[in-house]
PDB file of all heavy atoms in Angstrom:
ATOM      1  N   SER A   1      69.502  97.913 112.199  1.00  0.00           N
ATOM      2  CA  SER A   1      68.735  96.683 112.424  1.00  0.00           C
ATOM      3  C   SER A   1      69.499  95.972 113.649  1.00  0.00           C
ATOM      4  O   SER A   1      70.633  96.176 113.864  1.00  0.00           O
ATOM      5  CB  SER A   1      68.710  95.771 111.219  1.00  0.00           C
ATOM      6  OG  SER A   1      70.041  95.422 110.801  1.00  0.00           O
ATOM      7  N   GLY A   2      68.645  95.095 114.250  1.00  0.00           N
ATOM      8  CA  GLY A   2      69.282  94.283 115.277  1.00  0.00           C
ATOM      9  C   GLY A   2      69.337  94.940 116.645  1.00  0.00           C
ATOM     10  O   GLY A   2      69.953  94.382 117.539  1.00  0.00           O
ATOM     11  N   SER A   3      68.700  96.064 116.827  1.00  0.00           N
ATOM     12  CA  SER A   3      68.705  96.645 118.178  1.00  0.00           C
ATOM     13  C   SER A   3      67.356  97.413 118.337  1.00  0.00           C
ATOM     14  O   SER A   3      66.596  97.621 117.416  1.00  0.00           O
ATOM     15  CB  SER A   3      69.900  97.673 118.287  1.00  0.00           C
ATOM     16  OG  SER A   3      69.716  98.768 117.391  1.00  0.00           O
ATOM     17  N   ILE A   4      67.189  97.857 119.607  1.00  0.00           N
ATOM     18  CA  ILE A   4      65.966  98.706 119.899  1.00  0.00           C
ATOM     19  C   ILE A   4      66.409 100.171 119.601  1.00  0.00           C
ATOM     20  O   ILE A   4      66.865 100.874 120.457  1.00  0.00           O
ATOM     21  CB  ILE A   4      65.535  98.498 121.378  1.00  0.00           C
ATOM     22  CG1 ILE A   4      65.333  97.082 121.641  1.00  0.00           C
ATOM     23  CG2 ILE A   4      64.273  99.345 121.598  1.00  0.00           C
ATOM     24  CD1 ILE A   4      65.043  96.771 123.121  1.00  0.00           C
ATOM     25  N   PHE A   5      66.224 100.492 118.329  1.00  0.00           N
ATOM     26  CA  PHE A   5      66.782 101.731 117.712  1.00  0.00           C
ATOM     27  C   PHE A   5      66.405 102.944 118.642  1.00  0.00           C
ATOM     28  O   PHE A   5      67.231 103.838 118.897  1.00  0.00           O
ATOM     29  CB  PHE A   5      66.245 101.940 116.334  1.00  0.00           C
ATOM     30  CG  PHE A   5      66.725 103.191 115.654  1.00  0.00           C
ATOM     31  CD1 PHE A   5      67.965 103.313 115.163  1.00  0.00           C
ATOM     32  CD2 PHE A   5      65.880 104.237 115.522  1.00  0.00           C
ATOM     33  CE1 PHE A   5      68.423 104.435 114.482  1.00  0.00           C
ATOM     34  CE2 PHE A   5      66.291 105.418 114.925  1.00  0.00           C
ATOM     35  CZ  PHE A   5      67.566 105.520 114.439  1.00  0.00           C
ATOM     36  N   ARG A   6      65.199 103.079 119.091  1.00  0.00           N
ATOM     37  CA  ARG A   6      64.683 104.307 119.616  1.00  0.00           C
ATOM     38  C   ARG A   6      65.313 104.689 120.937  1.00  0.00           C
ATOM     39  O   ARG A   6      65.256 105.814 121.351  1.00  0.00           O
ATOM     40  CB  ARG A   6      63.146 104.214 119.852  1.00  0.00           C
ATOM     41  CG  ARG A   6      62.733 103.271 120.899  1.00  0.00           C
ATOM     42  CD  ARG A   6      61.204 103.210 121.024  1.00  0.00           C
ATOM     43  NE  ARG A   6      60.830 102.363 122.182  1.00  0.00           N
ATOM     44  CZ  ARG A   6      60.745 101.043 122.109  1.00  0.00           C
ATOM     45  NH1 ARG A   6      61.053 100.427 121.001  1.00  0.00           N
ATOM     46  NH2 ARG A   6      60.333 100.347 123.209  1.00  0.00           N
ATOM     47  N   ILE A   7      65.961 103.681 121.574  1.00  0.00           N
ATOM     48  CA  ILE A   7      66.480 104.039 122.937  1.00  0.00           C
ATOM     49  C   ILE A   7      67.947 104.548 122.898  1.00  0.00           C
ATOM     50  O   ILE A   7      68.458 104.980 123.965  1.00  0.00           O
ATOM     51  CB  ILE A   7      66.476 102.778 123.861  1.00  0.00           C
ATOM     52  CG1 ILE A   7      67.407 101.677 123.459  1.00  0.00           C
ATOM     53  CG2 ILE A   7      65.015 102.281 123.934  1.00  0.00           C
ATOM     54  CD1 ILE A   7      67.492 100.527 124.401  1.00  0.00           C
ATOM     55  N   TYR A   8      68.593 104.573 121.656  1.00  0.00           N
ATOM     56  CA  TYR A   8      69.947 104.961 121.635  1.00  0.00           C
ATOM     57  C   TYR A   8      70.157 106.273 120.959  1.00  0.00           C
ATOM     58  O   TYR A   8      69.450 106.589 119.944  1.00  0.00           O
ATOM     59  CB  TYR A   8      70.742 103.944 120.896  1.00  0.00           C
ATOM     60  CG  TYR A   8      70.774 102.566 121.575  1.00  0.00           C
ATOM     61  CD1 TYR A   8      70.185 101.488 121.114  1.00  0.00           C
ATOM     62  CD2 TYR A   8      71.536 102.436 122.772  1.00  0.00           C
ATOM     63  CE1 TYR A   8      70.195 100.249 121.778  1.00  0.00           C
ATOM     64  CE2 TYR A   8      71.565 101.246 123.440  1.00  0.00           C
ATOM     65  CZ  TYR A   8      70.914 100.168 122.999  1.00  0.00           C
ATOM     66  OH  TYR A   8      70.942  98.971 123.583  1.00  0.00           O
ATOM     67  N   ALA A   9      71.122 107.100 121.436  1.00  0.00           N
ATOM     68  CA  ALA A   9      71.547 108.227 120.669  1.00  0.00           C
ATOM     69  C   ALA A   9      72.259 107.765 119.448  1.00  0.00           C
ATOM     70  O   ALA A   9      72.818 106.671 119.424  1.00  0.00           O
ATOM     71  CB  ALA A   9      72.496 109.094 121.555  1.00  0.00           C
ATOM     72  N   MET A  10      72.229 108.618 118.398  1.00  0.00           N
ATOM     73  CA  MET A  10      72.882 108.279 117.145  1.00  0.00           C
ATOM     74  C   MET A  10      73.740 109.424 116.770  1.00  0.00           C
ATOM     75  O   MET A  10      73.377 110.587 116.996  1.00  0.00           O
ATOM     76  CB  MET A  10      71.814 108.037 116.029  1.00  0.00           C
ATOM     77  CG  MET A  10      70.987 106.773 116.357  1.00  0.00           C
ATOM     78  SD  MET A  10      71.816 105.238 116.291  1.00  0.00           S
ATOM     79  CE  MET A  10      72.397 105.153 114.565  1.00  0.00           C
ATOM     80  N   GLY A  11      74.862 109.198 116.127  1.00  0.00           N
ATOM     81  CA  GLY A  11      75.753 110.208 115.686  1.00  0.00           C
ATOM     82  C   GLY A  11      76.266 110.036 114.270  1.00  0.00           C
ATOM     83  O   GLY A  11      76.266 108.870 113.755  1.00  0.00           O
ATOM     84  N   TRP A  12      76.552 111.123 113.627  1.00  0.00           N
ATOM     85  CA  TRP A  12      77.257 111.111 112.355  1.00  0.00           C
ATOM     86  C   TRP A  12      78.628 111.676 112.550  1.00  0.00           C
ATOM     87  O   TRP A  12      78.784 112.702 113.191  1.00  0.00           O
ATOM     88  CB  TRP A  12      76.522 112.001 111.296  1.00  0.00           C
ATOM     89  CG  TRP A  12      75.316 111.366 110.711  1.00  0.00           C
ATOM     90  CD1 TRP A  12      74.015 111.616 110.994  1.00  0.00           C
ATOM     91  CD2 TRP A  12      75.292 110.413 109.632  1.00  0.00           C
ATOM     92  NE1 TRP A  12      73.152 110.797 110.265  1.00  0.00           N
ATOM     93  CE2 TRP A  12      73.943 110.081 109.417  1.00  0.00           C
ATOM     94  CE3 TRP A  12      76.247 109.770 108.927  1.00  0.00           C
ATOM     95  CZ2 TRP A  12      73.483 109.149 108.421  1.00  0.00           C
ATOM     96  CZ3 TRP A  12      75.884 108.827 107.944  1.00  0.00           C
ATOM     97  CH2 TRP A  12      74.536 108.573 107.705  1.00  0.00           C
ATOM     98  N   TYR A  13      79.613 110.917 112.059  1.00  0.00           N
ATOM     99  CA  TYR A  13      80.987 111.263 112.169  1.00  0.00           C
ATOM    100  C   TYR A  13      81.555 111.354 110.748  1.00  0.00           C
ATOM    101  O   TYR A  13      81.005 110.699 109.820  1.00  0.00           O
ATOM    102  CB  TYR A  13      81.777 110.257 113.035  1.00  0.00           C
ATOM    103  CG  TYR A  13      81.468 110.263 114.486  1.00  0.00           C
ATOM    104  CD1 TYR A  13      80.181 109.789 114.903  1.00  0.00           C
ATOM    105  CD2 TYR A  13      82.332 110.798 115.477  1.00  0.00           C
ATOM    106  CE1 TYR A  13      79.899 109.799 116.267  1.00  0.00           C
ATOM    107  CE2 TYR A  13      82.046 110.808 116.773  1.00  0.00           C
ATOM    108  CZ  TYR A  13      80.789 110.316 117.183  1.00  0.00           C
ATOM    109  OH  TYR A  13      80.456 110.370 118.509  1.00  0.00           O
ATOM    110  N   ARG A  14      82.730 112.006 110.603  1.00  0.00           N
ATOM    111  CA  ARG A  14      83.399 111.969 109.341  1.00  0.00           C
ATOM    112  C   ARG A  14      84.888 111.843 109.499  1.00  0.00           C
ATOM    113  O   ARG A  14      85.433 112.328 110.543  1.00  0.00           O
ATOM    114  CB  ARG A  14      83.034 113.165 108.494  1.00  0.00           C
ATOM    115  CG  ARG A  14      83.523 114.487 109.036  1.00  0.00           C
ATOM    116  CD  ARG A  14      82.976 115.665 108.227  1.00  0.00           C
ATOM    117  NE  ARG A  14      83.435 116.984 108.713  1.00  0.00           N
ATOM    118  CZ  ARG A  14      82.963 118.136 108.237  1.00  0.00           C
ATOM    119  NH1 ARG A  14      82.045 118.140 107.268  1.00  0.00           N
ATOM    120  NH2 ARG A  14      83.433 119.239 108.708  1.00  0.00           N
ATOM    121  N   GLN A  15      85.536 111.367 108.515  1.00  0.00           N
ATOM    122  CA  GLN A  15      86.979 111.244 108.537  1.00  0.00           C
ATOM    123  C   GLN A  15      87.545 111.595 107.132  1.00  0.00           C
ATOM    124  O   GLN A  15      87.233 110.894 106.173  1.00  0.00           O
ATOM    125  CB  GLN A  15      87.459 109.865 108.943  1.00  0.00           C
ATOM    126  CG  GLN A  15      88.920 109.702 109.157  1.00  0.00           C
ATOM    127  CD  GLN A  15      89.307 108.433 109.847  1.00  0.00           C
ATOM    128  OE1 GLN A  15      88.576 107.514 109.937  1.00  0.00           O
ATOM    129  NE2 GLN A  15      90.501 108.438 110.477  1.00  0.00           N
ATOM    130  N   ALA A  16      88.283 112.670 107.085  1.00  0.00           N
ATOM    131  CA  ALA A  16      88.931 113.072 105.883  1.00  0.00           C
ATOM    132  C   ALA A  16      90.326 112.385 105.770  1.00  0.00           C
ATOM    133  O   ALA A  16      90.940 112.053 106.818  1.00  0.00           O
ATOM    134  CB  ALA A  16      89.049 114.629 105.794  1.00  0.00           C
ATOM    135  N   PRO A  17      90.863 112.263 104.565  1.00  0.00           N
ATOM    136  CA  PRO A  17      92.212 111.701 104.485  1.00  0.00           C
ATOM    137  C   PRO A  17      93.306 112.363 105.344  1.00  0.00           C
ATOM    138  O   PRO A  17      93.371 113.586 105.281  1.00  0.00           O
ATOM    139  CB  PRO A  17      92.526 111.865 102.967  1.00  0.00           C
ATOM    140  CG  PRO A  17      91.208 111.884 102.301  1.00  0.00           C
ATOM    141  CD  PRO A  17      90.356 112.588 103.279  1.00  0.00           C
ATOM    142  N   GLY A  18      94.003 111.571 106.120  1.00  0.00           N
ATOM    143  CA  GLY A  18      95.019 112.147 106.924  1.00  0.00           C
ATOM    144  C   GLY A  18      94.566 112.853 108.211  1.00  0.00           C
ATOM    145  O   GLY A  18      95.348 113.363 108.921  1.00  0.00           O
ATOM    146  N   LYS A  19      93.283 112.762 108.465  1.00  0.00           N
ATOM    147  CA  LYS A  19      92.698 113.465 109.625  1.00  0.00           C
ATOM    148  C   LYS A  19      92.015 112.439 110.554  1.00  0.00           C
ATOM    149  O   LYS A  19      91.658 111.328 110.150  1.00  0.00           O
ATOM    150  CB  LYS A  19      91.776 114.557 109.247  1.00  0.00           C
ATOM    151  CG  LYS A  19      92.400 115.684 108.483  1.00  0.00           C
ATOM    152  CD  LYS A  19      91.401 116.886 108.319  1.00  0.00           C
ATOM    153  CE  LYS A  19      92.156 118.057 107.616  1.00  0.00           C
ATOM    154  NZ  LYS A  19      91.133 119.188 107.498  1.00  0.00           N
ATOM    155  N   GLN A  20      91.832 112.852 111.818  1.00  0.00           N
ATOM    156  CA  GLN A  20      91.132 112.037 112.773  1.00  0.00           C
ATOM    157  C   GLN A  20      89.599 112.068 112.474  1.00  0.00           C
ATOM    158  O   GLN A  20      89.119 113.011 111.877  1.00  0.00           O
ATOM    159  CB  GLN A  20      91.411 112.527 114.130  1.00  0.00           C
ATOM    160  CG  GLN A  20      92.786 112.130 114.667  1.00  0.00           C
ATOM    161  CD  GLN A  20      92.993 112.442 116.157  1.00  0.00           C
ATOM    162  OE1 GLN A  20      92.313 113.298 116.687  1.00  0.00           O
ATOM    163  NE2 GLN A  20      93.860 111.672 116.805  1.00  0.00           N
ATOM    164  N   ARG A  21      88.959 111.008 112.854  1.00  0.00           N
ATOM    165  CA  ARG A  21      87.472 111.026 112.747  1.00  0.00           C
ATOM    166  C   ARG A  21      86.905 112.016 113.718  1.00  0.00           C
ATOM    167  O   ARG A  21      87.394 112.084 114.935  1.00  0.00           O
ATOM    168  CB  ARG A  21      86.968 109.559 113.066  1.00  0.00           C
ATOM    169  CG  ARG A  21      85.548 109.369 112.750  1.00  0.00           C
ATOM    170  CD  ARG A  21      85.116 107.956 112.900  1.00  0.00           C
ATOM    171  NE  ARG A  21      85.862 107.040 112.007  1.00  0.00           N
ATOM    172  CZ  ARG A  21      85.552 105.744 111.789  1.00  0.00           C
ATOM    173  NH1 ARG A  21      84.556 105.182 112.492  1.00  0.00           N
ATOM    174  NH2 ARG A  21      86.284 105.048 110.955  1.00  0.00           N
ATOM    175  N   GLU A  22      85.896 112.711 113.288  1.00  0.00           N
ATOM    176  CA  GLU A  22      85.335 113.805 114.105  1.00  0.00           C
ATOM    177  C   GLU A  22      83.803 113.739 114.121  1.00  0.00           C
ATOM    178  O   GLU A  22      83.197 113.314 113.156  1.00  0.00           O
ATOM    179  CB  GLU A  22      85.791 115.208 113.652  1.00  0.00           C
ATOM    180  CG  GLU A  22      85.331 115.513 112.197  1.00  0.00           C
ATOM    181  CD  GLU A  22      85.662 116.940 111.773  1.00  0.00           C
ATOM    182  OE1 GLU A  22      86.291 117.678 112.579  1.00  0.00           O
ATOM    183  OE2 GLU A  22      85.306 117.256 110.652  1.00  0.00           O
ATOM    184  N   LEU A  23      83.245 114.181 115.205  1.00  0.00           N
ATOM    185  CA  LEU A  23      81.820 114.245 115.382  1.00  0.00           C
ATOM    186  C   LEU A  23      81.297 115.352 114.461  1.00  0.00           C
ATOM    187  O   LEU A  23      81.767 116.437 114.458  1.00  0.00           O
ATOM    188  CB  LEU A  23      81.409 114.471 116.802  1.00  0.00           C
ATOM    189  CG  LEU A  23      79.903 114.693 117.048  1.00  0.00           C
ATOM    190  CD1 LEU A  23      79.146 113.441 116.772  1.00  0.00           C
ATOM    191  CD2 LEU A  23      79.706 115.235 118.442  1.00  0.00           C
ATOM    192  N   VAL A  24      80.231 115.065 113.719  1.00  0.00           N
ATOM    193  CA  VAL A  24      79.570 116.048 112.863  1.00  0.00           C
ATOM    194  C   VAL A  24      78.251 116.493 113.500  1.00  0.00           C
ATOM    195  O   VAL A  24      77.978 117.690 113.692  1.00  0.00           O
ATOM    196  CB  VAL A  24      79.254 115.458 111.477  1.00  0.00           C
ATOM    197  CG1 VAL A  24      78.449 116.474 110.689  1.00  0.00           C
ATOM    198  CG2 VAL A  24      80.554 115.043 110.797  1.00  0.00           C
ATOM    199  N   ALA A  25      77.489 115.478 113.926  1.00  0.00           N
ATOM    200  CA  ALA A  25      76.123 115.809 114.533  1.00  0.00           C
ATOM    201  C   ALA A  25      75.715 114.613 115.393  1.00  0.00           C
ATOM    202  O   ALA A  25      76.064 113.454 115.081  1.00  0.00           O
ATOM    203  CB  ALA A  25      75.157 116.159 113.482  1.00  0.00           C
ATOM    204  N   ARG A  26      74.928 114.882 116.346  1.00  0.00           N
ATOM    205  CA  ARG A  26      74.414 113.840 117.234  1.00  0.00           C
ATOM    206  C   ARG A  26      72.956 114.162 117.608  1.00  0.00           C
ATOM    207  O   ARG A  26      72.551 115.291 117.719  1.00  0.00           O
ATOM    208  CB  ARG A  26      75.242 113.858 118.473  1.00  0.00           C
ATOM    209  CG  ARG A  26      74.913 112.770 119.509  1.00  0.00           C
ATOM    210  CD  ARG A  26      75.789 112.863 120.773  1.00  0.00           C
ATOM    211  NE  ARG A  26      75.489 111.871 121.739  1.00  0.00           N
ATOM    212  CZ  ARG A  26      74.579 111.954 122.708  1.00  0.00           C
ATOM    213  NH1 ARG A  26      73.746 113.041 122.748  1.00  0.00           N
ATOM    214  NH2 ARG A  26      74.357 110.988 123.547  1.00  0.00           N
ATOM    215  N   ILE A  27      72.178 113.116 117.724  1.00  0.00           N
ATOM    216  CA  ILE A  27      70.781 113.183 118.159  1.00  0.00           C
ATOM    217  C   ILE A  27      70.527 112.242 119.261  1.00  0.00           C
ATOM    218  O   ILE A  27      70.868 111.026 119.089  1.00  0.00           O
ATOM    219  CB  ILE A  27      69.809 113.055 116.906  1.00  0.00           C
ATOM    220  CG1 ILE A  27      68.382 113.344 117.376  1.00  0.00           C
ATOM    221  CG2 ILE A  27      69.953 111.663 116.237  1.00  0.00           C
ATOM    222  CD1 ILE A  27      67.473 113.532 116.162  1.00  0.00           C
ATOM    223  N   SER A  28      69.947 112.711 120.303  1.00  0.00           N
ATOM    224  CA  SER A  28      69.712 111.853 121.467  1.00  0.00           C
ATOM    225  C   SER A  28      68.403 110.987 121.178  1.00  0.00           C
ATOM    226  O   SER A  28      67.669 111.225 120.218  1.00  0.00           O
ATOM    227  CB  SER A  28      69.473 112.652 122.718  1.00  0.00           C
ATOM    228  OG  SER A  28      68.199 113.350 122.653  1.00  0.00           O
ATOM    229  N   SER A  29      68.147 110.074 122.099  1.00  0.00           N
ATOM    230  CA  SER A  29      66.921 109.281 121.950  1.00  0.00           C
ATOM    231  C   SER A  29      65.677 110.125 122.023  1.00  0.00           C
ATOM    232  O   SER A  29      64.679 109.808 121.399  1.00  0.00           O
ATOM    233  CB  SER A  29      66.857 108.161 122.980  1.00  0.00           C
ATOM    234  OG  SER A  29      66.876 108.754 124.341  1.00  0.00           O
ATOM    235  N   GLY A  30      65.754 111.200 122.703  1.00  0.00           N
ATOM    236  CA  GLY A  30      64.618 112.174 122.789  1.00  0.00           C
ATOM    237  C   GLY A  30      64.553 113.196 121.802  1.00  0.00           C
ATOM    238  O   GLY A  30      63.587 113.959 121.711  1.00  0.00           O
ATOM    239  N   GLY A  31      65.520 113.211 120.848  1.00  0.00           N
ATOM    240  CA  GLY A  31      65.514 114.146 119.772  1.00  0.00           C
ATOM    241  C   GLY A  31      66.284 115.444 119.914  1.00  0.00           C
ATOM    242  O   GLY A  31      66.355 116.265 118.967  1.00  0.00           O
ATOM    243  N   SER A  32      67.059 115.532 121.018  1.00  0.00           N
ATOM    244  CA  SER A  32      67.980 116.733 121.175  1.00  0.00           C
ATOM    245  C   SER A  32      69.158 116.519 120.257  1.00  0.00           C
ATOM    246  O   SER A  32      69.596 115.437 120.090  1.00  0.00           O
ATOM    247  CB  SER A  32      68.390 116.797 122.580  1.00  0.00           C
ATOM    248  OG  SER A  32      67.313 116.983 123.477  1.00  0.00           O
ATOM    249  N   THR A  33      69.551 117.688 119.708  1.00  0.00           N
ATOM    250  CA  THR A  33      70.640 117.616 118.700  1.00  0.00           C
ATOM    251  C   THR A  33      71.812 118.532 119.137  1.00  0.00           C
ATOM    252  O   THR A  33      71.659 119.487 119.821  1.00  0.00           O
ATOM    253  CB  THR A  33      70.176 118.051 117.330  1.00  0.00           C
ATOM    254  OG1 THR A  33      69.681 119.371 117.414  1.00  0.00           O
ATOM    255  CG2 THR A  33      69.072 117.129 116.820  1.00  0.00           C
ATOM    256  N   ASN A  34      72.969 118.188 118.616  1.00  0.00           N
ATOM    257  CA  ASN A  34      74.092 119.061 118.685  1.00  0.00           C
ATOM    258  C   ASN A  34      75.025 118.820 117.494  1.00  0.00           C
ATOM    259  O   ASN A  34      75.007 117.806 116.882  1.00  0.00           O
ATOM    260  CB  ASN A  34      74.919 118.902 120.037  1.00  0.00           C
ATOM    261  CG  ASN A  34      75.468 117.506 120.230  1.00  0.00           C
ATOM    262  OD1 ASN A  34      74.744 116.619 120.626  1.00  0.00           O
ATOM    263  ND2 ASN A  34      76.715 117.336 120.029  1.00  0.00           N
ATOM    264  N   TYR A  35      75.753 119.892 117.139  1.00  0.00           N
ATOM    265  CA  TYR A  35      76.512 119.948 115.839  1.00  0.00           C
ATOM    266  C   TYR A  35      77.920 120.446 116.131  1.00  0.00           C
ATOM    267  O   TYR A  35      78.130 121.302 116.977  1.00  0.00           O
ATOM    268  CB  TYR A  35      75.762 120.871 114.894  1.00  0.00           C
ATOM    269  CG  TYR A  35      74.395 120.382 114.456  1.00  0.00           C
ATOM    270  CD1 TYR A  35      73.284 120.824 115.187  1.00  0.00           C
ATOM    271  CD2 TYR A  35      74.231 119.567 113.461  1.00  0.00           C
ATOM    272  CE1 TYR A  35      72.047 120.437 114.892  1.00  0.00           C
ATOM    273  CE2 TYR A  35      72.901 119.177 113.077  1.00  0.00           C
ATOM    274  CZ  TYR A  35      71.833 119.598 113.827  1.00  0.00           C
ATOM    275  OH  TYR A  35      70.590 119.179 113.434  1.00  0.00           O
ATOM    276  N   ALA A  36      78.796 120.000 115.233  1.00  0.00           N
ATOM    277  CA  ALA A  36      80.093 120.631 115.184  1.00  0.00           C
ATOM    278  C   ALA A  36      79.940 122.109 114.725  1.00  0.00           C
ATOM    279  O   ALA A  36      79.104 122.309 113.887  1.00  0.00           O
ATOM    280  CB  ALA A  36      81.054 119.843 114.268  1.00  0.00           C
ATOM    281  N   ASP A  37      80.797 122.927 115.229  1.00  0.00           N
ATOM    282  CA  ASP A  37      80.753 124.355 114.791  1.00  0.00           C
ATOM    283  C   ASP A  37      80.828 124.539 113.272  1.00  0.00           C
ATOM    284  O   ASP A  37      80.220 125.394 112.699  1.00  0.00           O
ATOM    285  CB  ASP A  37      81.840 125.194 115.475  1.00  0.00           C
ATOM    286  CG  ASP A  37      81.527 125.328 116.968  1.00  0.00           C
ATOM    287  OD1 ASP A  37      80.435 125.143 117.435  1.00  0.00           O
ATOM    288  OD2 ASP A  37      82.493 125.723 117.680  1.00  0.00           O
ATOM    289  N   SER A  38      81.630 123.637 112.635  1.00  0.00           N
ATOM    290  CA  SER A  38      81.873 123.768 111.197  1.00  0.00           C
ATOM    291  C   SER A  38      80.671 123.503 110.374  1.00  0.00           C
ATOM    292  O   SER A  38      80.605 123.816 109.198  1.00  0.00           O
ATOM    293  CB  SER A  38      83.033 122.868 110.824  1.00  0.00           C
ATOM    294  OG  SER A  38      82.722 121.533 111.085  1.00  0.00           O
ATOM    295  N   VAL A  39      79.634 122.858 110.912  1.00  0.00           N
ATOM    296  CA  VAL A  39      78.496 122.478 110.080  1.00  0.00           C
ATOM    297  C   VAL A  39      77.156 123.177 110.540  1.00  0.00           C
ATOM    298  O   VAL A  39      76.142 122.931 109.985  1.00  0.00           O
ATOM    299  CB  VAL A  39      78.243 120.935 110.007  1.00  0.00           C
ATOM    300  CG1 VAL A  39      79.544 120.288 109.581  1.00  0.00           C
ATOM    301  CG2 VAL A  39      77.787 120.366 111.379  1.00  0.00           C
ATOM    302  N   LYS A  40      77.250 123.866 111.711  1.00  0.00           N
ATOM    303  CA  LYS A  40      75.997 124.511 112.217  1.00  0.00           C
ATOM    304  C   LYS A  40      75.422 125.445 111.209  1.00  0.00           C
ATOM    305  O   LYS A  40      76.112 126.208 110.540  1.00  0.00           O
ATOM    306  CB  LYS A  40      76.423 125.301 113.521  1.00  0.00           C
ATOM    307  CG  LYS A  40      76.515 124.486 114.713  1.00  0.00           C
ATOM    308  CD  LYS A  40      76.837 125.367 115.964  1.00  0.00           C
ATOM    309  CE  LYS A  40      77.058 124.524 117.180  1.00  0.00           C
ATOM    310  NZ  LYS A  40      77.445 125.311 118.379  1.00  0.00           N
ATOM    311  N   GLY A  41      74.122 125.332 111.059  1.00  0.00           N
ATOM    312  CA  GLY A  41      73.387 126.178 110.154  1.00  0.00           C
ATOM    313  C   GLY A  41      73.391 125.565 108.705  1.00  0.00           C
ATOM    314  O   GLY A  41      72.604 126.086 107.848  1.00  0.00           O
ATOM    315  N   ARG A  42      74.128 124.533 108.449  1.00  0.00           N
ATOM    316  CA  ARG A  42      74.147 123.916 107.094  1.00  0.00           C
ATOM    317  C   ARG A  42      73.682 122.472 107.159  1.00  0.00           C
ATOM    318  O   ARG A  42      73.083 121.972 106.139  1.00  0.00           O
ATOM    319  CB  ARG A  42      75.595 123.922 106.590  1.00  0.00           C
ATOM    320  CG  ARG A  42      76.131 125.336 106.446  1.00  0.00           C
ATOM    321  CD  ARG A  42      77.533 125.270 105.679  1.00  0.00           C
ATOM    322  NE  ARG A  42      78.537 124.497 106.375  1.00  0.00           N
ATOM    323  CZ  ARG A  42      79.202 123.461 105.815  1.00  0.00           C
ATOM    324  NH1 ARG A  42      78.897 123.039 104.569  1.00  0.00           N
ATOM    325  NH2 ARG A  42      80.146 122.797 106.611  1.00  0.00           N
ATOM    326  N   PHE A  43      73.939 121.766 108.207  1.00  0.00           N
ATOM    327  CA  PHE A  43      73.583 120.340 108.308  1.00  0.00           C
ATOM    328  C   PHE A  43      72.466 120.167 109.399  1.00  0.00           C
ATOM    329  O   PHE A  43      72.407 120.885 110.323  1.00  0.00           O
ATOM    330  CB  PHE A  43      74.780 119.478 108.759  1.00  0.00           C
ATOM    331  CG  PHE A  43      75.879 119.351 107.754  1.00  0.00           C
ATOM    332  CD1 PHE A  43      75.963 120.110 106.598  1.00  0.00           C
ATOM    333  CD2 PHE A  43      76.943 118.426 107.992  1.00  0.00           C
ATOM    334  CE1 PHE A  43      76.981 119.955 105.705  1.00  0.00           C
ATOM    335  CE2 PHE A  43      77.946 118.252 107.142  1.00  0.00           C
ATOM    336  CZ  PHE A  43      77.970 119.068 105.977  1.00  0.00           C
ATOM    337  N   THR A  44      71.631 119.186 109.095  1.00  0.00           N
ATOM    338  CA  THR A  44      70.520 118.904 110.050  1.00  0.00           C
ATOM    339  C   THR A  44      70.459 117.408 110.228  1.00  0.00           C
ATOM    340  O   THR A  44      70.322 116.628 109.267  1.00  0.00           O
ATOM    341  CB  THR A  44      69.148 119.375 109.496  1.00  0.00           C
ATOM    342  OG1 THR A  44      69.258 120.841 109.313  1.00  0.00           O
ATOM    343  CG2 THR A  44      68.083 119.073 110.519  1.00  0.00           C
ATOM    344  N   ILE A  45      70.573 116.932 111.460  1.00  0.00           N
ATOM    345  CA  ILE A  45      70.389 115.524 111.850  1.00  0.00           C
ATOM    346  C   ILE A  45      68.899 115.321 112.262  1.00  0.00           C
ATOM    347  O   ILE A  45      68.342 116.160 112.941  1.00  0.00           O
ATOM    348  CB  ILE A  45      71.446 115.043 112.887  1.00  0.00           C
ATOM    349  CG1 ILE A  45      71.326 113.579 113.061  1.00  0.00           C
ATOM    350  CG2 ILE A  45      71.109 115.805 114.155  1.00  0.00           C
ATOM    351  CD1 ILE A  45      72.496 113.075 113.945  1.00  0.00           C
TER     352      ILE A  45
END
């Protein structure tokens, strides 16, 4: 809320205990996607 949602790329990140935050998946404003190798084929953004 509070923004023009459709114009921004959005990402999902995760952080496990003792580890750095990492990119899981990203989707562009146009719908293009990319995934971390560890989740390819299992996760869908």
